[in-house]
């Protein structure tokens, strides 16, 4: 990083990929400046932001003129360039491949469903009522893992934190034309 240049990240912390980048930056103490992009206000569609990322998505990293736009690539770039401890991203090819395998699977299989649950079970209640229903939010969610290090299940295999309690009930929508109480 050039003298006087600070790494900038464009984030909305409602976004899970943005939170992942934010957590990594804070836990590894990589100097950075956060530029908030309020997705609910449509700030990702401004001409200035569209110049940074034509896909109009967050997160975006700008490091001395180098722009990177996908969270997985941003995370790997940060741990490599700034020499983060190995528990964030191992240097051994086999262990690194297992982390890559997990993050690719997670991005395609877990994240879309978790995002839907967040929107239906937490965000909708926040937008339309007094806040998230405590009976729908698992205990421990919303708090960082102690020490920001690898903990929980699978920590010895990948270094990725997986909360011990990840299952919680989903509400099903009633199908049109079906009586109430049926799915």
C-alpha atoms as a PDB file:
ATOM      1  CA  UNK A   1       0.000   0.000   0.000  1.00  0.00           C
ATOM      2  CA  UNK A   2       1.432   3.405  -0.938  1.00  0.00           C
ATOM      3  CA  UNK A   3       2.088   5.923   1.791  1.00  0.00           C
ATOM      4  CA  UNK A   4      -1.044   7.959   2.425  1.00  0.00           C
ATOM      5  CA  UNK A   5      -3.240   5.534   0.515  1.00  0.00           C
ATOM      6  CA  UNK A   6      -5.895   3.728   2.503  1.00  0.00           C
ATOM      7  CA  UNK A   7      -7.662   0.650   1.260  1.00  0.00           C
ATOM      8  CA  UNK A   8     -11.341   1.473   0.637  1.00  0.00           C
ATOM      9  CA  UNK A   9     -14.240  -0.945   0.802  1.00  0.00           C
ATOM     10  CA  UNK A  10     -17.775  -0.174  -0.299  1.00  0.00           C
ATOM     11  CA  UNK A  11     -20.195  -2.089   1.908  1.00  0.00           C
ATOM     12  CA  UNK A  12     -23.750  -2.403   3.162  1.00  0.00           C
ATOM     13  CA  UNK A  13     -23.640  -4.449   6.341  1.00  0.00           C
ATOM     14  CA  UNK A  14     -27.106  -5.901   5.616  1.00  0.00           C
ATOM     15  CA  UNK A  15     -25.265  -7.964   2.997  1.00  0.00           C
ATOM     16  CA  UNK A  16     -23.647 -11.191   4.260  1.00  0.00           C
ATOM     17  CA  UNK A  17     -20.724 -10.962   1.789  1.00  0.00           C
ATOM     18  CA  UNK A  18     -20.079  -7.400   2.981  1.00  0.00           C
ATOM     19  CA  UNK A  19     -20.125  -8.514   6.604  1.00  0.00           C
ATOM     20  CA  UNK A  20     -17.570 -11.232   5.783  1.00  0.00           C
ATOM     21  CA  UNK A  21     -15.196  -8.660   4.252  1.00  0.00           C
ATOM     22  CA  UNK A  22     -15.770  -6.265   7.170  1.00  0.00           C
ATOM     23  CA  UNK A  23     -15.090  -8.972   9.772  1.00  0.00           C
ATOM     24  CA  UNK A  24     -11.882 -10.071   8.040  1.00  0.00           C
ATOM     25  CA  UNK A  25     -10.597  -6.503   7.774  1.00  0.00           C
ATOM     26  CA  UNK A  26     -11.317  -5.764  11.438  1.00  0.00           C
ATOM     27  CA  UNK A  27     -10.015  -9.051  12.848  1.00  0.00           C
ATOM     28  CA  UNK A  28      -6.784  -8.880  10.853  1.00  0.00           C
ATOM     29  CA  UNK A  29      -6.419  -5.139  11.541  1.00  0.00           C
ATOM     30  CA  UNK A  30      -5.837  -4.295   7.888  1.00  0.00           C
ATOM     31  CA  UNK A  31      -6.073  -0.477   7.662  1.00  0.00           C
ATOM     32  CA  UNK A  32      -9.130   0.466   5.634  1.00  0.00           C
ATOM     33  CA  UNK A  33     -11.880   3.010   5.144  1.00  0.00           C
ATOM     34  CA  UNK A  34     -15.501   1.903   4.840  1.00  0.00           C
ATOM     35  CA  UNK A  35     -17.702   3.668   2.315  1.00  0.00           C
ATOM     36  CA  UNK A  36     -21.297   2.799   3.093  1.00  0.00           C
ATOM     37  CA  UNK A  37     -23.564   2.021   0.120  1.00  0.00           C
ATOM     38  CA  UNK A  38     -27.185   1.941   1.274  1.00  0.00           C
ATOM     39  CA  UNK A  39     -28.737  -0.767  -0.902  1.00  0.00           C
ATOM     40  CA  UNK A  40     -32.269  -0.068   0.363  1.00  0.00           C
ATOM     41  CA  UNK A  41     -31.886   3.518  -0.882  1.00  0.00           C
ATOM     42  CA  UNK A  42     -30.567   2.345  -4.262  1.00  0.00           C
ATOM     43  CA  UNK A  43     -27.146   3.949  -3.827  1.00  0.00           C
ATOM     44  CA  UNK A  44     -25.557   1.082  -5.780  1.00  0.00           C
ATOM     45  CA  UNK A  45     -27.279   2.448  -8.898  1.00  0.00           C
ATOM     46  CA  UNK A  46     -25.626   5.894  -8.824  1.00  0.00           C
ATOM     47  CA  UNK A  47     -23.358   6.744 -11.782  1.00  0.00           C
ATOM     48  CA  UNK A  48     -20.349   7.029  -9.448  1.00  0.00           C
ATOM     49  CA  UNK A  49     -20.847   3.559  -7.970  1.00  0.00           C
ATOM     50  CA  UNK A  50     -21.695   2.048 -11.371  1.00  0.00           C
ATOM     51  CA  UNK A  51     -18.265   3.223 -12.587  1.00  0.00           C
ATOM     52  CA  UNK A  52     -16.676   1.157  -9.793  1.00  0.00           C
ATOM     53  CA  UNK A  53     -18.870  -1.884 -10.358  1.00  0.00           C
ATOM     54  CA  UNK A  54     -21.035  -2.003 -13.498  1.00  0.00           C
ATOM     55  CA  UNK A  55     -22.913  -4.938 -11.906  1.00  0.00           C
ATOM     56  CA  UNK A  56     -24.050  -2.509  -9.163  1.00  0.00           C
ATOM     57  CA  UNK A  57     -23.306  -4.956  -6.342  1.00  0.00           C
ATOM     58  CA  UNK A  58     -21.420  -4.756  -3.064  1.00  0.00           C
ATOM     59  CA  UNK A  59     -18.833  -5.355  -1.730  1.00  0.00           C
ATOM     60  CA  UNK A  60     -16.255  -3.465  -3.768  1.00  0.00           C
ATOM     61  CA  UNK A  61     -12.591  -3.082  -2.804  1.00  0.00           C
ATOM     62  CA  UNK A  62     -10.337  -0.297  -4.095  1.00  0.00           C
ATOM     63  CA  UNK A  63      -6.646  -0.755  -3.256  1.00  0.00           C
ATOM     64  CA  UNK A  64      -4.390   1.933  -4.751  1.00  0.00           C
ATOM     65  CA  UNK A  65      -6.477   2.061  -7.937  1.00  0.00           C
ATOM     66  CA  UNK A  66      -7.016  -1.714  -8.166  1.00  0.00           C
ATOM     67  CA  UNK A  67     -10.767  -2.481  -8.081  1.00  0.00           C
ATOM     68  CA  UNK A  68     -12.119  -5.902  -7.088  1.00  0.00           C
ATOM     69  CA  UNK A  69     -15.828  -6.709  -6.912  1.00  0.00           C
ATOM     70  CA  UNK A  70     -16.608 -10.251  -5.705  1.00  0.00           C
ATOM     71  CA  UNK A  71     -16.506 -11.046  -1.976  1.00  0.00           C
ATOM     72  CA  UNK A  72     -14.741 -14.394  -2.404  1.00  0.00           C
ATOM     73  CA  UNK A  73     -12.037 -12.795  -4.557  1.00  0.00           C
ATOM     74  CA  UNK A  74     -11.777  -9.832  -2.155  1.00  0.00           C
ATOM     75  CA  UNK A  75     -11.297 -12.103   0.861  1.00  0.00           C
ATOM     76  CA  UNK A  76      -8.608 -14.181  -0.862  1.00  0.00           C
ATOM     77  CA  UNK A  77      -6.851 -11.064  -2.160  1.00  0.00           C
ATOM     78  CA  UNK A  78      -6.771  -9.472   1.303  1.00  0.00           C
ATOM     79  CA  UNK A  79      -5.387 -12.501   3.133  1.00  0.00           C
ATOM     80  CA  UNK A  80      -2.749 -13.028   0.431  1.00  0.00           C
ATOM     81  CA  UNK A  81      -1.618  -9.418  -0.048  1.00  0.00           C
ATOM     82  CA  UNK A  82      -1.661  -8.456   3.617  1.00  0.00           C
ATOM     83  CA  UNK A  83      -0.206 -11.758   4.907  1.00  0.00           C
ATOM     84  CA  UNK A  84      -3.086 -12.625   7.225  1.00  0.00           C
ATOM     85  CA  UNK A  85      -2.510 -15.573   9.588  1.00  0.00           C
ATOM     86  CA  UNK A  86      -2.923 -18.993   7.951  1.00  0.00           C
ATOM     87  CA  UNK A  87      -6.124 -19.815   9.821  1.00  0.00           C
ATOM     88  CA  UNK A  88      -7.882 -17.310   7.532  1.00  0.00           C
ATOM     89  CA  UNK A  89      -6.642 -18.945   4.318  1.00  0.00           C
ATOM     90  CA  UNK A  90      -4.049 -21.750   4.521  1.00  0.00           C
ATOM     91  CA  UNK A  91      -0.901 -21.642   2.432  1.00  0.00           C
ATOM     92  CA  UNK A  92      -0.741 -25.431   1.909  1.00  0.00           C
ATOM     93  CA  UNK A  93      -2.343 -26.251  -1.467  1.00  0.00           C
ATOM     94  CA  UNK A  94      -4.502 -29.129  -0.176  1.00  0.00           C
ATOM     95  CA  UNK A  95      -5.896 -27.173   2.786  1.00  0.00           C
ATOM     96  CA  UNK A  96      -6.417 -24.088   0.609  1.00  0.00           C
ATOM     97  CA  UNK A  97      -8.257 -26.251  -1.937  1.00  0.00           C
ATOM     98  CA  UNK A  98     -10.599 -27.482   0.841  1.00  0.00           C
ATOM     99  CA  UNK A  99     -11.373 -23.879   1.818  1.00  0.00           C
ATOM    100  CA  UNK A 100     -11.974 -23.015  -1.862  1.00  0.00           C
ATOM    101  CA  UNK A 101     -14.198 -26.081  -2.221  1.00  0.00           C
ATOM    102  CA  UNK A 102     -16.241 -25.079   0.845  1.00  0.00           C
ATOM    103  CA  UNK A 103     -16.630 -21.426  -0.166  1.00  0.00           C
ATOM    104  CA  UNK A 104     -17.709 -22.391  -3.694  1.00  0.00           C
ATOM    105  CA  UNK A 105     -20.266 -24.843  -2.312  1.00  0.00           C
ATOM    106  CA  UNK A 106     -21.441 -22.332   0.303  1.00  0.00           C
ATOM    107  CA  UNK A 107     -21.920 -19.594  -2.292  1.00  0.00           C
ATOM    108  CA  UNK A 108     -24.063 -21.840  -4.501  1.00  0.00           C
ATOM    109  CA  UNK A 109     -25.955 -23.895  -1.932  1.00  0.00           C
ATOM    110  CA  UNK A 110     -26.150 -22.262   1.489  1.00  0.00           C
ATOM    111  CA  UNK A 111     -26.017 -18.528   0.989  1.00  0.00           C
ATOM    112  CA  UNK A 112     -29.107 -18.102  -1.254  1.00  0.00           C
ATOM    113  CA  UNK A 113     -31.267 -20.016   1.211  1.00  0.00           C
ATOM    114  CA  UNK A 114     -29.843 -18.210   4.238  1.00  0.00           C
ATOM    115  CA  UNK A 115     -30.451 -14.872   2.540  1.00  0.00           C
ATOM    116  CA  UNK A 116     -34.078 -15.828   1.942  1.00  0.00           C
ATOM    117  CA  UNK A 117     -34.492 -16.831   5.580  1.00  0.00           C
ATOM    118  CA  UNK A 118     -32.927 -13.552   6.707  1.00  0.00           C
ATOM    119  CA  UNK A 119     -35.267 -11.539   4.495  1.00  0.00           C
ATOM    120  CA  UNK A 120     -38.414 -13.468   5.455  1.00  0.00           C
ATOM    121  CA  UNK A 121     -37.736 -14.049   9.134  1.00  0.00           C
ATOM    122  CA  UNK A 122     -35.692 -11.058  10.237  1.00  0.00           C
ATOM    123  CA  UNK A 123     -35.756  -8.182   7.759  1.00  0.00           C
ATOM    124  CA  UNK A 124     -39.503  -8.262   7.059  1.00  0.00           C
ATOM    125  CA  UNK A 125     -40.240  -8.015  10.778  1.00  0.00           C
ATOM    126  CA  UNK A 126     -37.735  -5.185  11.187  1.00  0.00           C
ATOM    127  CA  UNK A 127     -39.301  -3.240   8.315  1.00  0.00           C
ATOM    128  CA  UNK A 128     -42.923  -3.857   9.281  1.00  0.00           C
ATOM    129  CA  UNK A 129     -42.902  -4.152  13.038  1.00  0.00           C
ATOM    130  CA  UNK A 130     -40.982  -3.632  16.231  1.00  0.00           C
ATOM    131  CA  UNK A 131     -38.023  -5.763  15.113  1.00  0.00           C
ATOM    132  CA  UNK A 132     -37.009  -9.359  14.559  1.00  0.00           C
ATOM    133  CA  UNK A 133     -39.004 -11.964  16.424  1.00  0.00           C
ATOM    134  CA  UNK A 134     -36.700 -13.410  19.099  1.00  0.00           C
ATOM    135  CA  UNK A 135     -38.189 -16.878  18.634  1.00  0.00           C
ATOM    136  CA  UNK A 136     -37.086 -16.819  14.985  1.00  0.00           C
ATOM    137  CA  UNK A 137     -33.467 -15.704  15.506  1.00  0.00           C
ATOM    138  CA  UNK A 138     -31.131 -18.428  16.854  1.00  0.00           C
ATOM    139  CA  UNK A 139     -29.231 -17.555  19.992  1.00  0.00           C
ATOM    140  CA  UNK A 140     -25.730 -16.326  19.308  1.00  0.00           C
ATOM    141  CA  UNK A 141     -26.501 -14.882  15.870  1.00  0.00           C
ATOM    142  CA  UNK A 142     -25.409 -11.306  15.385  1.00  0.00           C
ATOM    143  CA  UNK A 143     -22.434 -11.668  17.751  1.00  0.00           C
ATOM    144  CA  UNK A 144     -18.909 -12.241  16.413  1.00  0.00           C
ATOM    145  CA  UNK A 145     -17.110 -15.443  17.243  1.00  0.00           C
ATOM    146  CA  UNK A 146     -14.880 -15.024  20.293  1.00  0.00           C
ATOM    147  CA  UNK A 147     -11.472 -13.784  19.222  1.00  0.00           C
ATOM    148  CA  UNK A 148     -12.490 -13.737  15.540  1.00  0.00           C
ATOM    149  CA  UNK A 149     -10.560 -16.993  15.131  1.00  0.00           C
ATOM    150  CA  UNK A 150     -11.563 -20.388  13.830  1.00  0.00           C
ATOM    151  CA  UNK A 151     -14.140 -21.918  16.148  1.00  0.00           C
ATOM    152  CA  UNK A 152     -17.191 -24.141  15.960  1.00  0.00           C
ATOM    153  CA  UNK A 153     -17.665 -27.220  13.817  1.00  0.00           C
ATOM    154  CA  UNK A 154     -15.200 -27.824  10.986  1.00  0.00           C
ATOM    155  CA  UNK A 155     -12.658 -25.320  12.394  1.00  0.00           C
ATOM    156  CA  UNK A 156      -9.896 -27.925  12.281  1.00  0.00           C
ATOM    157  CA  UNK A 157     -10.654 -28.730   8.655  1.00  0.00           C
ATOM    158  CA  UNK A 158     -11.109 -25.336   7.021  1.00  0.00           C
ATOM    159  CA  UNK A 159     -10.645 -22.564   9.561  1.00  0.00           C
ATOM    160  CA  UNK A 160     -14.173 -21.413   8.699  1.00  0.00           C
ATOM    161  CA  UNK A 161     -16.492 -20.623  11.599  1.00  0.00           C
ATOM    162  CA  UNK A 162     -19.775 -22.534  11.437  1.00  0.00           C
ATOM    163  CA  UNK A 163     -22.194 -21.803  14.303  1.00  0.00           C
ATOM    164  CA  UNK A 164     -23.080 -24.892  16.330  1.00  0.00           C
ATOM    165  CA  UNK A 165     -26.808 -24.167  15.958  1.00  0.00           C
ATOM    166  CA  UNK A 166     -27.699 -23.341  12.362  1.00  0.00           C
ATOM    167  CA  UNK A 167     -31.174 -24.819  11.965  1.00  0.00           C
ATOM    168  CA  UNK A 168     -34.301 -22.906  12.813  1.00  0.00           C
ATOM    169  CA  UNK A 169     -37.923 -23.128  11.680  1.00  0.00           C
ATOM    170  CA  UNK A 170     -39.017 -21.642   8.402  1.00  0.00           C
ATOM    171  CA  UNK A 171     -42.421 -20.222   7.750  1.00  0.00           C
ATOM    172  CA  UNK A 172     -44.108 -21.575   4.660  1.00  0.00           C
ATOM    173  CA  UNK A 173     -46.250 -19.447   2.436  1.00  0.00           C
ATOM    174  CA  UNK A 174     -49.791 -20.575   1.769  1.00  0.00           C
ATOM    175  CA  UNK A 175     -50.264 -21.619  -1.825  1.00  0.00           C
ATOM    176  CA  UNK A 176     -52.865 -19.587  -3.775  1.00  0.00           C
ATOM    177  CA  UNK A 177     -56.200 -21.373  -3.904  1.00  0.00           C
ATOM    178  CA  UNK A 178     -55.511 -23.504  -0.829  1.00  0.00           C
ATOM    179  CA  UNK A 179     -57.344 -23.038   2.437  1.00  0.00           C
ATOM    180  CA  UNK A 180     -55.515 -21.376   5.343  1.00  0.00           C
ATOM    181  CA  UNK A 181     -53.472 -23.791   7.417  1.00  0.00           C
ATOM    182  CA  UNK A 182     -52.341 -25.840   4.401  1.00  0.00           C
ATOM    183  CA  UNK A 183     -49.236 -25.455   2.308  1.00  0.00           C
END
